[in-house]
Amino acid sequence: MPPGLEKPEPSTLSTVIGAFKSAVTRRINEKRETPGETVWQSSFHDHIVRNRNQLRRIRHYIRTNPRR
């Protein structure tokens, strides 16, 4: 497995998301040649999607909100 993409130990959602964001950030910054640059917001907000209407609203929000 490529460095930085090792399977994390079973843990909390926060730990899994943190490991994912860390691995992806390293690879993005390597490709861009921008070491140390921030790629993600500092936290995340989980949300249970209960039906198709909620999924459509969330997808719309993601598509229509510019990178901040």
C-alpha atoms as a PDB file:
ATOM      1  CA  MET A   1       0.000   0.000   0.000  1.00  0.00           C
ATOM      2  CA  PRO A   2       1.349   3.513  -0.813  1.00  0.00           C
ATOM      3  CA  PRO A   3       2.831   5.462   2.125  1.00  0.00           C
ATOM      4  CA  GLY A   4       0.225   7.533   3.932  1.00  0.00           C
ATOM      5  CA  LEU A   5      -2.657   5.327   2.841  1.00  0.00           C
ATOM      6  CA  GLU A   6      -2.231   2.589   5.416  1.00  0.00           C
ATOM      7  CA  LYS A   7      -5.438   1.155   6.843  1.00  0.00           C
ATOM      8  CA  PRO A   8      -6.185   2.994  10.120  1.00  0.00           C
ATOM      9  CA  GLU A   9      -6.923   1.027  13.252  1.00  0.00           C
ATOM     10  CA  PRO A  10     -10.664   0.746  14.011  1.00  0.00           C
ATOM     11  CA  SER A  11     -11.512   3.927  15.847  1.00  0.00           C
ATOM     12  CA  THR A  12     -13.864   6.870  15.925  1.00  0.00           C
ATOM     13  CA  LEU A  13     -15.264   8.574  12.844  1.00  0.00           C
ATOM     14  CA  SER A  14     -13.171  11.602  13.719  1.00  0.00           C
ATOM     15  CA  THR A  15      -9.949   9.551  13.693  1.00  0.00           C
ATOM     16  CA  VAL A  16     -10.815   7.936  10.359  1.00  0.00           C
ATOM     17  CA  ILE A  17     -11.679  11.291   8.748  1.00  0.00           C
ATOM     18  CA  GLY A  18      -8.478  12.814  10.152  1.00  0.00           C
ATOM     19  CA  ALA A  19      -6.331  10.008   8.728  1.00  0.00           C
ATOM     20  CA  PHE A  20      -8.030  10.302   5.331  1.00  0.00           C
ATOM     21  CA  LYS A  21      -7.611  14.084   5.203  1.00  0.00           C
ATOM     22  CA  SER A  22      -3.960  13.795   6.216  1.00  0.00           C
ATOM     23  CA  ALA A  23      -3.138  11.211   3.539  1.00  0.00           C
ATOM     24  CA  VAL A  24      -4.980  13.094   0.792  1.00  0.00           C
ATOM     25  CA  THR A  25      -3.398  16.408   1.796  1.00  0.00           C
ATOM     26  CA  ARG A  26       0.102  14.924   1.540  1.00  0.00           C
ATOM     27  CA  ARG A  27      -0.569  13.579  -1.942  1.00  0.00           C
ATOM     28  CA  ILE A  28      -2.210  16.787  -3.188  1.00  0.00           C
ATOM     29  CA  ASN A  29       0.654  18.908  -1.881  1.00  0.00           C
ATOM     30  CA  GLU A  30       3.216  16.570  -3.451  1.00  0.00           C
ATOM     31  CA  LYS A  31       1.496  16.863  -6.851  1.00  0.00           C
ATOM     32  CA  ARG A  32       1.119  20.647  -6.556  1.00  0.00           C
ATOM     33  CA  GLU A  33       4.587  21.067  -5.049  1.00  0.00           C
ATOM     34  CA  THR A  34       3.023  23.083  -2.227  1.00  0.00           C
ATOM     35  CA  PRO A  35       4.332  21.523   0.999  1.00  0.00           C
ATOM     36  CA  GLY A  36       2.389  22.448   4.113  1.00  0.00           C
ATOM     37  CA  GLU A  37      -0.497  24.137   2.294  1.00  0.00           C
ATOM     38  CA  THR A  38      -3.962  23.701   3.823  1.00  0.00           C
ATOM     39  CA  VAL A  39      -6.412  21.694   1.722  1.00  0.00           C
ATOM     40  CA  TRP A  40      -9.332  21.019   4.080  1.00  0.00           C
ATOM     41  CA  GLN A  41     -11.386  22.997   6.554  1.00  0.00           C
ATOM     42  CA  SER A  42     -10.312  22.373  10.140  1.00  0.00           C
ATOM     43  CA  SER A  43     -13.249  20.166  11.121  1.00  0.00           C
ATOM     44  CA  PHE A  44     -16.201  18.327   9.649  1.00  0.00           C
ATOM     45  CA  HIS A  45     -19.910  18.022  10.319  1.00  0.00           C
ATOM     46  CA  ASP A  46     -21.460  14.609   9.933  1.00  0.00           C
ATOM     47  CA  HIS A  47     -25.068  14.395   8.843  1.00  0.00           C
ATOM     48  CA  ILE A  48     -27.375  11.417   8.449  1.00  0.00           C
ATOM     49  CA  VAL A  49     -29.035  11.430   5.035  1.00  0.00           C
ATOM     50  CA  ARG A  50     -32.489   9.982   5.558  1.00  0.00           C
ATOM     51  CA  ASN A  51     -34.052  10.262   2.098  1.00  0.00           C
ATOM     52  CA  ARG A  52     -33.475  11.283  -1.527  1.00  0.00           C
ATOM     53  CA  ASN A  53     -34.717  14.828  -0.969  1.00  0.00           C
ATOM     54  CA  GLN A  54     -32.105  15.434   1.745  1.00  0.00           C
ATOM     55  CA  LEU A  55     -29.431  13.921  -0.494  1.00  0.00           C
ATOM     56  CA  ARG A  56     -30.421  16.274  -3.335  1.00  0.00           C
ATOM     57  CA  ARG A  57     -30.256  19.302  -1.010  1.00  0.00           C
ATOM     58  CA  ILE A  58     -26.833  18.313   0.320  1.00  0.00           C
ATOM     59  CA  ARG A  59     -25.465  17.697  -3.183  1.00  0.00           C
ATOM     60  CA  HIS A  60     -26.824  21.068  -4.302  1.00  0.00           C
ATOM     61  CA  TYR A  61     -25.171  22.769  -1.325  1.00  0.00           C
ATOM     62  CA  ILE A  62     -21.816  21.145  -2.100  1.00  0.00           C
ATOM     63  CA  ARG A  63     -21.977  22.076  -5.803  1.00  0.00           C
ATOM     64  CA  THR A  64     -23.091  25.676  -5.302  1.00  0.00           C
ATOM     65  CA  ASN A  65     -20.788  26.730  -2.453  1.00  0.00           C
ATOM     66  CA  PRO A  66     -17.413  28.005  -3.592  1.00  0.00           C
ATOM     67  CA  ARG A  67     -14.191  26.915  -1.974  1.00  0.00           C
ATOM     68  CA  ARG A  68     -13.604  29.044   1.111  1.00  0.00           C
END
